[in-house]
Amino acid sequence: MSVKAMMATILQDQMTSRGINSLSRSDYEEIVEHLVEQLRELELSLAARELAGKHEPK
């Protein structure tokens, strides 16, 4: 089982425990894919910011 599939299962379990049962498995997978992409973008942004900070004159 892939990490994304495991994350989708965890998300589904968490949503079900909160009474949300209207989403399909593909909905959970799509949400996880979107979250992973947002995390990648954030990681790149933070890395670029850190790199830019190291090159600023002091």
N, C-alpha and C. Protein backbone atom coordinates (compact mmCIF):
# COMPACT_ATOMS: atom_id res chain seq x y z
N MET A 1 0.86 -1.18 0.00
CA MET A 1 0.00 0.00 0.00
C MET A 1 0.90 1.24 0.00
N SER A 2 0.60 2.17 -0.88
CA SER A 2 1.40 3.38 -0.96
C SER A 2 1.10 4.33 0.21
N VAL A 3 2.01 5.26 0.40
CA VAL A 3 1.83 6.24 1.48
C VAL A 3 0.55 7.05 1.23
N LYS A 4 0.32 7.43 -0.01
CA LYS A 4 -0.88 8.21 -0.33
C LYS A 4 -2.15 7.40 -0.05
N ALA A 5 -2.12 6.12 -0.36
CA ALA A 5 -3.27 5.26 -0.09
C ALA A 5 -3.50 5.14 1.41
N MET A 6 -2.41 5.02 2.16
CA MET A 6 -2.54 4.94 3.63
C MET A 6 -3.08 6.25 4.18
N MET A 7 -2.60 7.38 3.63
CA MET A 7 -3.11 8.68 4.08
C MET A 7 -4.59 8.82 3.77
N ALA A 8 -5.01 8.35 2.60
CA ALA A 8 -6.43 8.41 2.23
C ALA A 8 -7.27 7.57 3.19
N THR A 9 -6.76 6.41 3.57
CA THR A 9 -7.47 5.56 4.53
C THR A 9 -7.58 6.23 5.88
N ILE A 10 -6.50 6.83 6.34
CA ILE A 10 -6.52 7.54 7.62
C ILE A 10 -7.50 8.70 7.56
N LEU A 11 -7.47 9.46 6.46
CA LEU A 11 -8.41 10.58 6.31
C LEU A 11 -9.84 10.08 6.31
N GLN A 12 -10.10 9.01 5.60
CA GLN A 12 -11.45 8.45 5.55
C GLN A 12 -11.90 8.02 6.95
N ASP A 13 -11.02 7.35 7.68
CA ASP A 13 -11.35 6.91 9.04
C ASP A 13 -11.65 8.10 9.95
N GLN A 14 -10.84 9.14 9.83
CA GLN A 14 -11.04 10.33 10.66
C GLN A 14 -12.35 11.04 10.32
N MET A 15 -12.64 11.16 9.04
CA MET A 15 -13.88 11.82 8.63
C MET A 15 -15.10 10.99 9.06
N THR A 16 -15.01 9.68 8.90
CA THR A 16 -16.11 8.79 9.31
C THR A 16 -16.36 8.89 10.81
N SER A 17 -15.28 8.97 11.59
CA SER A 17 -15.44 9.08 13.04
C SER A 17 -16.09 10.40 13.44
N ARG A 18 -16.08 11.36 12.53
CA ARG A 18 -16.71 12.66 12.78
C ARG A 18 -18.08 12.77 12.10
N GLY A 19 -18.56 11.65 11.58
CA GLY A 19 -19.90 11.62 11.01
C GLY A 19 -19.98 12.01 9.55
N ILE A 20 -18.85 12.10 8.86
CA ILE A 20 -18.87 12.46 7.44
C ILE A 20 -18.69 11.19 6.63
N ASN A 21 -19.76 10.78 5.95
CA ASN A 21 -19.76 9.52 5.21
C ASN A 21 -20.11 9.70 3.75
N SER A 22 -20.18 10.94 3.28
CA SER A 22 -20.69 11.19 1.94
C SER A 22 -19.61 11.23 0.86
N LEU A 23 -18.35 11.09 1.22
CA LEU A 23 -17.29 11.15 0.22
C LEU A 23 -16.93 9.76 -0.26
N SER A 24 -16.52 9.68 -1.52
CA SER A 24 -16.09 8.41 -2.09
C SER A 24 -14.60 8.20 -1.84
N ARG A 25 -14.14 7.00 -2.08
CA ARG A 25 -12.71 6.69 -1.92
C ARG A 25 -11.87 7.61 -2.81
N SER A 26 -12.34 7.84 -4.03
CA SER A 26 -11.60 8.71 -4.94
C SER A 26 -11.55 10.15 -4.43
N ASP A 27 -12.59 10.58 -3.71
CA ASP A 27 -12.58 11.91 -3.10
C ASP A 27 -11.44 12.01 -2.08
N TYR A 28 -11.31 10.99 -1.25
CA TYR A 28 -10.24 10.99 -0.25
C TYR A 28 -8.87 10.98 -0.90
N GLU A 29 -8.73 10.19 -1.95
CA GLU A 29 -7.45 10.12 -2.66
C GLU A 29 -7.12 11.46 -3.31
N GLU A 30 -8.13 12.12 -3.86
CA GLU A 30 -7.94 13.43 -4.49
C GLU A 30 -7.54 14.47 -3.44
N ILE A 31 -8.17 14.44 -2.28
CA ILE A 31 -7.83 15.37 -1.20
C ILE A 31 -6.39 15.16 -0.76
N VAL A 32 -5.99 13.91 -0.59
CA VAL A 32 -4.62 13.61 -0.18
C VAL A 32 -3.63 14.09 -1.24
N GLU A 33 -3.93 13.84 -2.50
CA GLU A 33 -3.05 14.29 -3.59
C GLU A 33 -2.89 15.81 -3.54
N HIS A 34 -3.97 16.51 -3.32
CA HIS A 34 -3.93 17.98 -3.23
C HIS A 34 -3.10 18.42 -2.02
N LEU A 35 -3.28 17.77 -0.90
CA LEU A 35 -2.50 18.11 0.30
C LEU A 35 -1.01 17.87 0.08
N VAL A 36 -0.67 16.75 -0.54
CA VAL A 36 0.74 16.44 -0.80
C VAL A 36 1.34 17.50 -1.72
N GLU A 37 0.61 17.90 -2.75
CA GLU A 37 1.10 18.92 -3.66
C GLU A 37 1.29 20.26 -2.93
N GLN A 38 0.36 20.62 -2.07
CA GLN A 38 0.49 21.86 -1.30
C GLN A 38 1.71 21.80 -0.38
N LEU A 39 1.96 20.64 0.22
CA LEU A 39 3.13 20.48 1.07
C LEU A 39 4.42 20.60 0.28
N ARG A 40 4.44 20.03 -0.94
CA ARG A 40 5.62 20.17 -1.80
C ARG A 40 5.89 21.63 -2.13
N GLU A 41 4.84 22.35 -2.48
CA GLU A 41 4.99 23.76 -2.82
C GLU A 41 5.48 24.56 -1.61
N LEU A 42 4.94 24.27 -0.46
CA LEU A 42 5.37 24.94 0.77
C LEU A 42 6.83 24.64 1.06
N GLU A 43 7.22 23.38 0.91
CA GLU A 43 8.60 22.99 1.15
C GLU A 43 9.55 23.72 0.20
N LEU A 44 9.18 23.80 -1.06
CA LEU A 44 10.01 24.52 -2.03
C LEU A 44 10.10 26.00 -1.71
N SER A 45 8.98 26.58 -1.32
CA SER A 45 8.95 27.99 -0.96
C SER A 45 9.83 28.28 0.25
N LEU A 46 9.74 27.43 1.26
CA LEU A 46 10.55 27.62 2.45
C LEU A 46 12.03 27.43 2.15
N ALA A 47 12.36 26.46 1.30
CA ALA A 47 13.75 26.23 0.92
C ALA A 47 14.29 27.43 0.15
N ALA A 48 13.49 27.99 -0.76
CA ALA A 48 13.92 29.15 -1.53
C ALA A 48 14.12 30.35 -0.62
N ARG A 49 13.23 30.52 0.34
CA ARG A 49 13.34 31.63 1.29
C ARG A 49 14.61 31.48 2.13
N GLU A 50 14.88 30.26 2.58
CA GLU A 50 16.07 30.00 3.39
C GLU A 50 17.33 30.26 2.57
N LEU A 51 17.34 29.82 1.32
CA LEU A 51 18.48 30.03 0.45
C LEU A 51 18.70 31.52 0.18
N ALA A 52 17.62 32.24 -0.06
CA ALA A 52 17.72 33.69 -0.30
C ALA A 52 18.26 34.40 0.94
N GLY A 53 17.86 33.95 2.11
CA GLY A 53 18.33 34.55 3.36
C GLY A 53 19.81 34.34 3.58
N LYS A 54 20.34 33.22 3.09
CA LYS A 54 21.77 32.93 3.24
C LYS A 54 22.61 33.78 2.31
N HIS A 55 22.02 34.26 1.22
CA HIS A 55 22.78 35.03 0.24
C HIS A 55 22.63 36.53 0.41
N GLU A 56 21.85 36.96 1.38
CA GLU A 56 21.70 38.39 1.64
C GLU A 56 22.97 38.92 2.29
N PRO A 57 23.43 40.10 1.86
CA PRO A 57 24.61 40.69 2.50
C PRO A 57 24.31 41.09 3.94
N LYS A 58 25.33 40.95 4.78
CA LYS A 58 25.12 41.27 6.20
C LYS A 58 25.82 42.55 6.57
